[in-house]
Structure formats: C-alpha cells, structure tokens
Amino acid sequence: MKPHRHPLREPMVWLIIALPLAAVISSIWLVVLSYRGGSIDAVADDVQRTGQIQTTDLDPDARASQRKLSAVLQSENGVLRVFPATGEFRRDQPLHVQLLHPNLEKADKVLTLAPDDLGWHVAYAADMTHDWSIVLSNDVGDNKAKTGEPWRLRGRLARGQHAAHLGPALDAQ
C-alpha cells in the first residue's frame, strides 16, 4: 500500500491551480495594456463623431486631386526638402509638413518649409529608424486669404529611405 501524499505534492493539482491563475493574470495585464495604449483609431485630421460615424473634411484632398498636385519629399543631411512634381504650386508661399509617428503622438512634428529656387526646405533631421506618415499642405490656419483654397498631399516615408512621393488621398474624378 502506498503512503498518502499531501495534495500540493501532486503535479495535477498544480496544473488545476496554475491554468486559471494564469488566465486571470494575463486578462488583467491585457486590460492594463489596452488602457495605457490610448485610442487605436487616432488620426491627425480633425474628426467629428456622431454616434459611431466619424467624418472629416476631405475638401483639401479633393482640391489637390483636381489640380493634379504631387511632390517629392527628400530627407538628407539634416535638411527636409520638397520638390514639386506635377501641378501648379504657388512657389512664393511657405508650405507646412506634418511628420506623423506611427504610434506616438508626442513624436509628431509640424514644420514650416520656406520656398527656395527648387521647391521648399527646412533644416530638420528626421529619425529614420521607423516609418513616417507625411501630410503636406498650404493651409496656414487663419492666413487663408494669402494661400488661397487649402489643399493637402499625403505620403509615407519608409524606414531607412530618404525620399517619398506625396500625392492626393483621393483619385481625380
């Protein structure tokens, strides 16, 4: 006859205790992580929410598409440059570029590019260890009388790359 062992010395008892305990701890950890992460649908545009519908102003994208605007952004040697590719740009006005980090809003940058002989430029060394979403526009806030109708181009600067194509978010109609 075998001597009676204490229940905590049985491996099956530990399995019965450990599995539910691991499930509870991992569930609590996932709730904490999701709370700290913020919204996963964050966008840089001004968004209006009505119920579960989100709307934003696409007029600047439509104007860029109608005018057939496109540009090339180059980041090299501590200088960010934008060169017009197609369409008619007002070359005497500054442009604004937003460099949007993929998941850290604190790392987003808004820069004003000054016009030069080839396009626009600003002294800024972009962190090339991750991708950037890029928004280029002529919208300078309350100064719309000088810039005309606002337009907007979008693109993505891939990690390690030094140039990106910027184009309208909407197709020409």
N, C-alpha and C. Protein backbone atom coordinates (compact mmCIF):
# COMPACT_ATOMS: atom_id res chain seq x y z
N MET A 1 0.82 -1.17 0.00
CA MET A 1 0.00 0.00 0.00
C MET A 1 0.88 1.25 0.00
N LYS A 2 0.49 2.22 -0.87
CA LYS A 2 1.26 3.45 -0.99
C LYS A 2 0.91 4.40 0.15
N PRO A 3 1.91 5.11 0.63
CA PRO A 3 1.59 6.10 1.66
C PRO A 3 0.84 7.28 1.01
N HIS A 4 -0.01 7.90 1.77
CA HIS A 4 -0.81 9.04 1.28
C HIS A 4 0.08 10.29 1.17
N ARG A 5 0.07 10.92 -0.04
CA ARG A 5 0.87 12.13 -0.27
C ARG A 5 0.01 13.37 -0.06
N HIS A 6 0.67 14.42 0.34
CA HIS A 6 -0.03 15.71 0.50
C HIS A 6 -0.51 16.18 -0.88
N PRO A 7 -1.71 16.80 -1.00
CA PRO A 7 -2.24 17.21 -2.31
C PRO A 7 -1.36 18.20 -3.07
N LEU A 8 -0.63 19.06 -2.38
CA LEU A 8 0.22 20.03 -3.07
C LEU A 8 1.47 19.39 -3.67
N ARG A 9 1.69 18.14 -3.38
CA ARG A 9 2.82 17.42 -3.98
C ARG A 9 2.43 16.73 -5.29
N GLU A 10 1.17 16.80 -5.65
CA GLU A 10 0.68 16.19 -6.88
C GLU A 10 0.77 17.20 -8.03
N PRO A 11 1.39 16.86 -9.15
CA PRO A 11 1.50 17.79 -10.29
C PRO A 11 0.15 18.19 -10.87
N MET A 12 -0.82 17.31 -10.85
CA MET A 12 -2.12 17.62 -11.42
C MET A 12 -2.82 18.73 -10.62
N VAL A 13 -2.62 18.80 -9.34
CA VAL A 13 -3.21 19.85 -8.51
C VAL A 13 -2.61 21.21 -8.91
N TRP A 14 -1.31 21.24 -9.13
CA TRP A 14 -0.66 22.49 -9.54
C TRP A 14 -1.17 22.94 -10.91
N LEU A 15 -1.43 22.01 -11.79
CA LEU A 15 -1.97 22.35 -13.11
C LEU A 15 -3.37 22.94 -12.96
N ILE A 16 -4.17 22.37 -12.09
CA ILE A 16 -5.53 22.87 -11.87
C ILE A 16 -5.49 24.28 -11.27
N ILE A 17 -4.50 24.58 -10.46
CA ILE A 17 -4.37 25.92 -9.85
C ILE A 17 -3.74 26.90 -10.83
N ALA A 18 -2.72 26.47 -11.55
CA ALA A 18 -1.92 27.38 -12.39
C ALA A 18 -2.66 27.88 -13.62
N LEU A 19 -3.41 27.03 -14.30
CA LEU A 19 -4.09 27.45 -15.53
C LEU A 19 -5.11 28.57 -15.29
N PRO A 20 -6.05 28.46 -14.36
CA PRO A 20 -6.96 29.58 -14.12
C PRO A 20 -6.25 30.83 -13.60
N LEU A 21 -5.24 30.64 -12.76
CA LEU A 21 -4.49 31.78 -12.25
C LEU A 21 -3.77 32.51 -13.38
N ALA A 22 -3.18 31.78 -14.30
CA ALA A 22 -2.51 32.40 -15.45
C ALA A 22 -3.50 33.14 -16.33
N ALA A 23 -4.69 32.58 -16.51
CA ALA A 23 -5.72 33.24 -17.32
C ALA A 23 -6.17 34.55 -16.68
N VAL A 24 -6.35 34.56 -15.37
CA VAL A 24 -6.78 35.77 -14.67
C VAL A 24 -5.69 36.84 -14.73
N ILE A 25 -4.45 36.46 -14.48
CA ILE A 25 -3.34 37.43 -14.50
C ILE A 25 -3.14 37.99 -15.90
N SER A 26 -3.18 37.15 -16.92
CA SER A 26 -2.98 37.66 -18.29
C SER A 26 -4.14 38.55 -18.71
N SER A 27 -5.36 38.25 -18.29
CA SER A 27 -6.50 39.12 -18.61
C SER A 27 -6.35 40.49 -17.97
N ILE A 28 -5.95 40.52 -16.73
CA ILE A 28 -5.73 41.81 -16.06
C ILE A 28 -4.62 42.57 -16.77
N TRP A 29 -3.55 41.89 -17.15
CA TRP A 29 -2.44 42.56 -17.84
C TRP A 29 -2.88 43.12 -19.19
N LEU A 30 -3.71 42.39 -19.95
CA LEU A 30 -4.21 42.89 -21.23
C LEU A 30 -5.10 44.12 -21.05
N VAL A 31 -5.92 44.13 -20.00
CA VAL A 31 -6.76 45.30 -19.74
C VAL A 31 -5.89 46.51 -19.41
N VAL A 32 -4.85 46.33 -18.62
CA VAL A 32 -3.94 47.43 -18.28
C VAL A 32 -3.24 47.94 -19.53
N LEU A 33 -2.75 47.04 -20.38
CA LEU A 33 -2.07 47.45 -21.62
C LEU A 33 -3.00 48.20 -22.55
N SER A 34 -4.22 47.73 -22.70
CA SER A 34 -5.15 48.41 -23.61
C SER A 34 -5.54 49.78 -23.08
N TYR A 35 -5.61 49.95 -21.78
CA TYR A 35 -5.93 51.25 -21.20
C TYR A 35 -4.79 52.24 -21.42
N ARG A 36 -3.56 51.80 -21.26
CA ARG A 36 -2.40 52.69 -21.43
C ARG A 36 -2.15 53.04 -22.88
N GLY A 37 -2.53 52.20 -23.81
CA GLY A 37 -2.20 52.38 -25.22
C GLY A 37 -2.94 53.51 -25.89
N GLY A 38 -4.02 53.99 -25.33
CA GLY A 38 -4.78 55.05 -25.97
C GLY A 38 -5.64 54.50 -27.09
N SER A 39 -6.16 55.41 -27.90
CA SER A 39 -7.05 55.02 -28.98
C SER A 39 -6.25 54.43 -30.13
N ILE A 40 -6.76 53.36 -30.71
CA ILE A 40 -6.06 52.77 -31.84
C ILE A 40 -6.52 53.37 -33.16
N ASP A 41 -7.55 54.19 -33.15
CA ASP A 41 -8.02 54.80 -34.38
C ASP A 41 -7.67 56.28 -34.45
N ALA A 42 -6.61 56.68 -33.77
CA ALA A 42 -6.22 58.08 -33.76
C ALA A 42 -5.74 58.52 -35.13
N VAL A 43 -6.20 59.68 -35.58
CA VAL A 43 -5.76 60.27 -36.84
C VAL A 43 -5.38 61.72 -36.57
N ALA A 44 -4.59 62.29 -37.46
CA ALA A 44 -4.15 63.66 -37.27
C ALA A 44 -5.21 64.67 -37.71
N ASP A 45 -6.18 64.25 -38.51
CA ASP A 45 -7.20 65.17 -39.01
C ASP A 45 -8.19 65.50 -37.91
N ASP A 46 -8.85 66.66 -38.06
CA ASP A 46 -9.95 66.99 -37.18
C ASP A 46 -11.13 66.10 -37.55
N VAL A 47 -11.63 65.35 -36.60
CA VAL A 47 -12.68 64.38 -36.87
C VAL A 47 -13.90 64.73 -36.03
N GLN A 48 -15.07 64.70 -36.66
CA GLN A 48 -16.32 64.88 -35.94
C GLN A 48 -16.96 63.52 -35.77
N ARG A 49 -17.43 63.25 -34.58
CA ARG A 49 -18.05 61.96 -34.29
C ARG A 49 -19.54 62.15 -34.01
N THR A 50 -20.36 61.41 -34.72
CA THR A 50 -21.79 61.39 -34.49
C THR A 50 -22.19 59.93 -34.35
N GLY A 51 -22.55 59.53 -33.15
CA GLY A 51 -22.80 58.11 -32.92
C GLY A 51 -21.50 57.36 -33.12
N GLN A 52 -21.53 56.36 -33.98
CA GLN A 52 -20.32 55.62 -34.27
C GLN A 52 -19.74 56.00 -35.63
N ILE A 53 -20.20 57.10 -36.20
CA ILE A 53 -19.73 57.55 -37.51
C ILE A 53 -18.72 58.68 -37.29
N GLN A 54 -17.58 58.55 -37.95
CA GLN A 54 -16.56 59.60 -37.88
C GLN A 54 -16.46 60.24 -39.25
N THR A 55 -16.49 61.58 -39.28
CA THR A 55 -16.38 62.29 -40.54
C THR A 55 -15.26 63.32 -40.44
N THR A 56 -14.64 63.60 -41.57
CA THR A 56 -13.59 64.60 -41.64
C THR A 56 -13.73 65.36 -42.95
N ASP A 57 -13.12 66.52 -43.04
CA ASP A 57 -13.19 67.35 -44.23
C ASP A 57 -12.21 66.84 -45.28
N LEU A 58 -12.73 66.37 -46.41
CA LEU A 58 -11.89 65.87 -47.49
C LEU A 58 -11.73 66.87 -48.62
N ASP A 59 -12.23 68.10 -48.44
CA ASP A 59 -12.12 69.12 -49.49
C ASP A 59 -10.66 69.40 -49.88
N PRO A 60 -9.72 69.54 -48.92
CA PRO A 60 -8.33 69.77 -49.33
C PRO A 60 -7.76 68.63 -50.19
N ASP A 61 -8.13 67.40 -49.89
CA ASP A 61 -7.68 66.26 -50.70
C ASP A 61 -8.28 66.32 -52.10
N ALA A 62 -9.56 66.69 -52.18
CA ALA A 62 -10.24 66.79 -53.48
C ALA A 62 -9.62 67.91 -54.33
N ARG A 63 -9.28 69.04 -53.70
CA ARG A 63 -8.65 70.13 -54.45
C ARG A 63 -7.28 69.72 -55.00
N ALA A 64 -6.51 69.02 -54.20
CA ALA A 64 -5.20 68.55 -54.67
C ALA A 64 -5.36 67.59 -55.83
N SER A 65 -6.39 66.77 -55.79
CA SER A 65 -6.65 65.82 -56.87
C SER A 65 -7.10 66.55 -58.13
N GLN A 66 -7.98 67.53 -58.00
CA GLN A 66 -8.45 68.30 -59.15
C GLN A 66 -7.31 69.07 -59.81
N ARG A 67 -6.40 69.60 -59.00
CA ARG A 67 -5.27 70.37 -59.53
C ARG A 67 -4.12 69.48 -59.96
N LYS A 68 -4.27 68.15 -59.76
CA LYS A 68 -3.26 67.15 -60.14
C LYS A 68 -1.90 67.45 -59.51
N LEU A 69 -1.93 67.79 -58.21
CA LEU A 69 -0.71 68.10 -57.49
C LEU A 69 -0.01 66.83 -57.02
N SER A 70 1.29 66.82 -57.09
CA SER A 70 2.12 65.78 -56.48
C SER A 70 3.49 66.39 -56.22
N ALA A 71 4.21 65.80 -55.28
CA ALA A 71 5.51 66.33 -54.90
C ALA A 71 6.38 65.18 -54.41
N VAL A 72 7.66 65.49 -54.25
CA VAL A 72 8.62 64.53 -53.70
C VAL A 72 9.23 65.16 -52.47
N LEU A 73 9.23 64.41 -51.36
CA LEU A 73 9.87 64.86 -50.14
C LEU A 73 11.20 64.14 -50.01
N GLN A 74 12.25 64.89 -49.70
CA GLN A 74 13.58 64.32 -49.51
C GLN A 74 14.11 64.71 -48.14
N SER A 75 14.66 63.74 -47.42
CA SER A 75 15.25 63.99 -46.11
C SER A 75 16.69 63.50 -46.15
N GLU A 76 17.62 64.46 -46.15
CA GLU A 76 19.02 64.08 -46.25
C GLU A 76 19.89 65.19 -45.68
N ASN A 77 20.95 64.79 -44.98
CA ASN A 77 21.94 65.72 -44.42
C ASN A 77 21.31 66.78 -43.53
N GLY A 78 20.32 66.42 -42.75
CA GLY A 78 19.71 67.35 -41.81
C GLY A 78 18.81 68.39 -42.45
N VAL A 79 18.41 68.18 -43.70
CA VAL A 79 17.53 69.12 -44.41
C VAL A 79 16.36 68.34 -44.99
N LEU A 80 15.18 68.88 -44.79
CA LEU A 80 13.96 68.31 -45.37
C LEU A 80 13.60 69.19 -46.56
N ARG A 81 13.50 68.59 -47.74
CA ARG A 81 13.19 69.34 -48.96
C ARG A 81 11.94 68.78 -49.62
N VAL A 82 11.17 69.65 -50.25
CA VAL A 82 10.01 69.25 -51.04
C VAL A 82 10.18 69.83 -52.43
N PHE A 83 10.06 68.94 -53.43
CA PHE A 83 10.17 69.35 -54.83
C PHE A 83 8.82 69.12 -55.50
N PRO A 84 8.29 70.13 -56.21
CA PRO A 84 7.03 69.91 -56.92
C PRO A 84 7.25 68.93 -58.08
N ALA A 85 6.32 68.01 -58.27
CA ALA A 85 6.43 67.04 -59.36
C ALA A 85 5.42 67.35 -60.47
N THR A 86 4.15 67.45 -60.12
CA THR A 86 3.12 67.78 -61.12
C THR A 86 2.17 68.81 -60.53
N GLY A 87 1.49 69.54 -61.41
CA GLY A 87 0.53 70.55 -60.98
C GLY A 87 1.18 71.90 -60.76
N GLU A 88 0.33 72.89 -60.55
CA GLU A 88 0.80 74.27 -60.36
C GLU A 88 0.79 74.61 -58.87
N PHE A 89 1.97 74.84 -58.32
CA PHE A 89 2.13 75.25 -56.94
C PHE A 89 2.40 76.75 -56.89
N ARG A 90 1.95 77.41 -55.83
CA ARG A 90 2.35 78.80 -55.60
C ARG A 90 3.71 78.75 -54.93
N ARG A 91 4.73 79.13 -55.67
CA ARG A 91 6.11 78.96 -55.22
C ARG A 91 6.55 80.07 -54.27
N ASP A 92 5.76 81.12 -54.10
CA ASP A 92 6.15 82.21 -53.22
C ASP A 92 5.63 82.05 -51.79
N GLN A 93 4.84 81.00 -51.54
CA GLN A 93 4.24 80.78 -50.23
C GLN A 93 4.92 79.62 -49.50
N PRO A 94 5.03 79.70 -48.16
CA PRO A 94 5.58 78.57 -47.41
C PRO A 94 4.58 77.40 -47.39
N LEU A 95 5.08 76.23 -47.15
CA LEU A 95 4.25 75.04 -47.01
C LEU A 95 4.43 74.46 -45.62
N HIS A 96 3.45 73.69 -45.19
CA HIS A 96 3.53 73.02 -43.89
C HIS A 96 3.60 71.53 -44.12
N VAL A 97 4.50 70.88 -43.41
CA VAL A 97 4.61 69.44 -43.47
C VAL A 97 4.42 68.88 -42.06
N GLN A 98 3.60 67.85 -41.96
CA GLN A 98 3.40 67.14 -40.70
C GLN A 98 4.08 65.79 -40.85
N LEU A 99 5.00 65.50 -39.95
CA LEU A 99 5.61 64.19 -39.88
C LEU A 99 4.92 63.46 -38.73
N LEU A 100 4.17 62.43 -39.05
CA LEU A 100 3.35 61.75 -38.06
C LEU A 100 3.97 60.39 -37.72
N HIS A 101 4.33 60.23 -36.45
CA HIS A 101 4.90 58.97 -35.97
C HIS A 101 3.83 57.88 -36.05
N PRO A 102 4.21 56.64 -36.34
CA PRO A 102 3.21 55.58 -36.48
C PRO A 102 2.36 55.33 -35.25
N ASN A 103 2.91 55.53 -34.03
CA ASN A 103 2.10 55.25 -32.85
C ASN A 103 2.37 56.14 -31.65
N LEU A 104 3.24 57.13 -31.75
CA LEU A 104 3.49 58.05 -30.64
C LEU A 104 3.15 59.47 -31.07
N GLU A 105 2.03 59.96 -30.56
CA GLU A 105 1.61 61.32 -30.92
C GLU A 105 2.61 62.37 -30.45
N LYS A 106 3.31 62.10 -29.36
CA LYS A 106 4.29 63.05 -28.84
C LYS A 106 5.46 63.26 -29.80
N ALA A 107 5.72 62.30 -30.65
CA ALA A 107 6.84 62.38 -31.59
C ALA A 107 6.46 63.07 -32.90
N ASP A 108 5.19 63.41 -33.10
CA ASP A 108 4.76 64.09 -34.32
C ASP A 108 5.42 65.46 -34.42
N LYS A 109 5.74 65.87 -35.64
CA LYS A 109 6.37 67.16 -35.89
C LYS A 109 5.57 67.93 -36.93
N VAL A 110 5.43 69.23 -36.72
CA VAL A 110 4.83 70.13 -37.71
C VAL A 110 5.89 71.17 -38.05
N LEU A 111 6.25 71.23 -39.33
CA LEU A 111 7.33 72.11 -39.77
C LEU A 111 6.83 73.02 -40.88
N THR A 112 7.38 74.23 -40.92
CA THR A 112 7.08 75.17 -41.99
C THR A 112 8.27 75.21 -42.93
N LEU A 113 8.02 74.95 -44.21
CA LEU A 113 9.08 74.93 -45.22
C LEU A 113 9.09 76.25 -45.96
N ALA A 114 10.27 76.83 -46.08
CA ALA A 114 10.43 78.10 -46.78
C ALA A 114 10.69 77.84 -48.26
N PRO A 115 10.15 78.70 -49.15
CA PRO A 115 10.40 78.50 -50.58
C PRO A 115 11.87 78.79 -50.94
N ASP A 116 12.37 78.06 -51.93
CA ASP A 116 13.70 78.31 -52.47
C ASP A 116 13.65 78.13 -53.99
N ASP A 117 14.79 78.09 -54.64
CA ASP A 117 14.83 78.00 -56.11
C ASP A 117 14.23 76.71 -56.66
N LEU A 118 14.40 75.60 -55.95
CA LEU A 118 13.95 74.30 -56.45
C LEU A 118 12.62 73.85 -55.87
N GLY A 119 12.21 74.39 -54.76
CA GLY A 119 10.98 73.98 -54.09
C GLY A 119 10.86 74.64 -52.74
N TRP A 120 10.90 73.83 -51.67
CA TRP A 120 10.82 74.32 -50.30
C TRP A 120 11.78 73.53 -49.45
N HIS A 121 12.22 74.12 -48.35
CA HIS A 121 13.16 73.42 -47.47
C HIS A 121 13.02 73.90 -46.03
N VAL A 122 13.52 73.06 -45.10
CA VAL A 122 13.63 73.42 -43.69
C VAL A 122 14.75 72.56 -43.11
N ALA A 123 15.48 73.11 -42.18
CA ALA A 123 16.55 72.35 -41.51
C ALA A 123 15.91 71.45 -40.45
N TYR A 124 15.93 70.15 -40.71
CA TYR A 124 15.38 69.18 -39.75
C TYR A 124 15.93 67.80 -40.10
N ALA A 125 16.48 67.13 -39.11
CA ALA A 125 16.99 65.77 -39.29
C ALA A 125 15.93 64.80 -38.78
N ALA A 126 15.26 64.12 -39.68
CA ALA A 126 14.21 63.18 -39.30
C ALA A 126 14.81 61.87 -38.78
N ASP A 127 14.17 61.29 -37.79
CA ASP A 127 14.58 60.00 -37.25
C ASP A 127 14.18 58.93 -38.26
N MET A 128 15.15 58.24 -38.84
CA MET A 128 14.87 57.28 -39.90
C MET A 128 14.81 55.84 -39.40
N THR A 129 14.62 55.64 -38.09
CA THR A 129 14.55 54.28 -37.55
C THR A 129 13.14 53.69 -37.63
N HIS A 130 12.18 54.46 -38.15
CA HIS A 130 10.81 53.97 -38.32
C HIS A 130 10.17 54.72 -39.47
N ASP A 131 9.00 54.29 -39.89
CA ASP A 131 8.26 54.96 -40.95
C ASP A 131 7.65 56.26 -40.43
N TRP A 132 7.39 57.19 -41.34
CA TRP A 132 6.67 58.43 -41.04
C TRP A 132 5.49 58.54 -42.01
N SER A 133 4.34 58.93 -41.52
CA SER A 133 3.25 59.36 -42.39
C SER A 133 3.43 60.84 -42.59
N ILE A 134 3.27 61.30 -43.83
CA ILE A 134 3.56 62.69 -44.17
C ILE A 134 2.30 63.35 -44.71
N VAL A 135 2.04 64.57 -44.23
CA VAL A 135 0.95 65.39 -44.74
C VAL A 135 1.56 66.74 -45.12
N LEU A 136 1.44 67.09 -46.39
CA LEU A 136 1.95 68.37 -46.90
C LEU A 136 0.76 69.23 -47.29
N SER A 137 0.75 70.49 -46.84
CA SER A 137 -0.38 71.36 -47.17
C SER A 137 0.08 72.80 -47.27
N ASN A 138 -0.80 73.61 -47.88
CA ASN A 138 -0.56 75.05 -47.94
C ASN A 138 -1.37 75.78 -46.89
N ASP A 139 -2.12 75.05 -46.09
CA ASP A 139 -3.01 75.63 -45.09
C ASP A 139 -2.20 76.18 -43.93
N VAL A 140 -2.28 77.47 -43.72
CA VAL A 140 -1.55 78.11 -42.63
C VAL A 140 -2.53 78.70 -41.61
N GLY A 141 -3.62 78.02 -41.38
CA GLY A 141 -4.57 78.45 -40.36
C GLY A 141 -5.41 79.63 -40.78
N ASP A 142 -5.26 80.76 -40.07
CA ASP A 142 -6.08 81.94 -40.32
C ASP A 142 -5.62 82.74 -41.54
N ASN A 143 -4.57 82.32 -42.19
CA ASN A 143 -3.98 83.07 -43.29
C ASN A 143 -4.46 82.58 -44.64
N LYS A 144 -5.73 82.15 -44.76
CA LYS A 144 -6.23 81.55 -46.00
C LYS A 144 -6.32 82.56 -47.15
N ALA A 145 -6.43 83.85 -46.83
CA ALA A 145 -6.51 84.85 -47.89
C ALA A 145 -5.22 84.86 -48.71
N LYS A 146 -4.09 84.59 -48.09
CA LYS A 146 -2.81 84.59 -48.80
C LYS A 146 -2.57 83.27 -49.54
N THR A 147 -3.03 82.16 -48.99
CA THR A 147 -2.71 80.86 -49.58
C THR A 147 -3.75 80.38 -50.58
N GLY A 148 -4.92 81.01 -50.62
CA GLY A 148 -5.98 80.52 -51.49
C GLY A 148 -6.67 79.33 -50.86
N GLU A 149 -7.31 78.53 -51.68
CA GLU A 149 -8.01 77.35 -51.17
C GLU A 149 -7.00 76.33 -50.66
N PRO A 150 -7.24 75.77 -49.48
CA PRO A 150 -6.28 74.79 -48.95
C PRO A 150 -6.32 73.46 -49.72
N TRP A 151 -5.16 72.86 -49.88
CA TRP A 151 -5.02 71.54 -50.48
C TRP A 151 -4.12 70.71 -49.56
N ARG A 152 -4.10 69.40 -49.79
CA ARG A 152 -3.33 68.52 -48.92
C ARG A 152 -2.84 67.32 -49.72
N LEU A 153 -1.56 66.98 -49.53
CA LEU A 153 -0.95 65.80 -50.13
C LEU A 153 -0.50 64.87 -49.00
N ARG A 154 -0.54 63.57 -49.27
CA ARG A 154 -0.16 62.59 -48.26
C ARG A 154 0.85 61.61 -48.85
N GLY A 155 1.65 61.05 -47.95
CA GLY A 155 2.61 60.04 -48.37
C GLY A 155 3.19 59.33 -47.17
N ARG A 156 4.12 58.42 -47.43
CA ARG A 156 4.75 57.65 -46.36
C ARG A 156 6.24 57.57 -46.64
N LEU A 157 7.02 58.00 -45.67
CA LEU A 157 8.48 57.90 -45.75
C LEU A 157 8.88 56.63 -45.00
N ALA A 158 9.30 55.62 -45.76
CA ALA A 158 9.63 54.32 -45.17
C ALA A 158 10.93 54.40 -44.39
N ARG A 159 11.04 53.53 -43.40
CA ARG A 159 12.23 53.46 -42.55
C ARG A 159 13.48 53.26 -43.41
N GLY A 160 14.48 54.08 -43.15
CA GLY A 160 15.74 53.97 -43.86
C GLY A 160 15.76 54.62 -45.24
N GLN A 161 14.61 55.04 -45.76
CA GLN A 161 14.55 55.68 -47.07
C GLN A 161 14.77 57.19 -46.91
N HIS A 162 15.19 57.84 -47.99
CA HIS A 162 15.46 59.28 -47.92
C HIS A 162 14.51 60.10 -48.78
N ALA A 163 13.56 59.46 -49.44
CA ALA A 163 12.62 60.20 -50.28
C ALA A 163 11.27 59.50 -50.28
N ALA A 164 10.22 60.30 -50.51
CA ALA A 164 8.88 59.76 -50.56
C ALA A 164 8.05 60.56 -51.57
N HIS A 165 7.15 59.86 -52.26
CA HIS A 165 6.22 60.53 -53.19
C HIS A 165 5.00 60.97 -52.39
N LEU A 166 4.55 62.20 -52.61
CA LEU A 166 3.38 62.74 -51.95
C LEU A 166 2.31 63.00 -53.00
N GLY A 167 1.11 62.52 -52.75
CA GLY A 167 0.03 62.70 -53.70
C GLY A 167 -1.29 62.88 -52.99
N PRO A 168 -2.34 63.18 -53.76
CA PRO A 168 -3.66 63.35 -53.17
C PRO A 168 -4.18 62.03 -52.60
N ALA A 169 -4.95 62.12 -51.53
CA ALA A 169 -5.54 60.91 -50.94
C ALA A 169 -6.73 60.42 -51.75
N LEU A 170 -7.32 61.29 -52.56
CA LEU A 170 -8.47 60.92 -53.37
C LEU A 170 -8.07 60.88 -54.84
N ASP A 171 -8.72 60.01 -55.61
CA ASP A 171 -8.47 59.95 -57.05
C ASP A 171 -9.20 61.09 -57.74
N ALA A 172 -8.64 61.54 -58.85
CA ALA A 172 -9.29 62.60 -59.64
C ALA A 172 -10.59 62.07 -60.22
N GLN A 173 -11.61 62.92 -60.21
CA GLN A 173 -12.92 62.48 -60.74
C GLN A 173 -13.33 63.31 -61.89
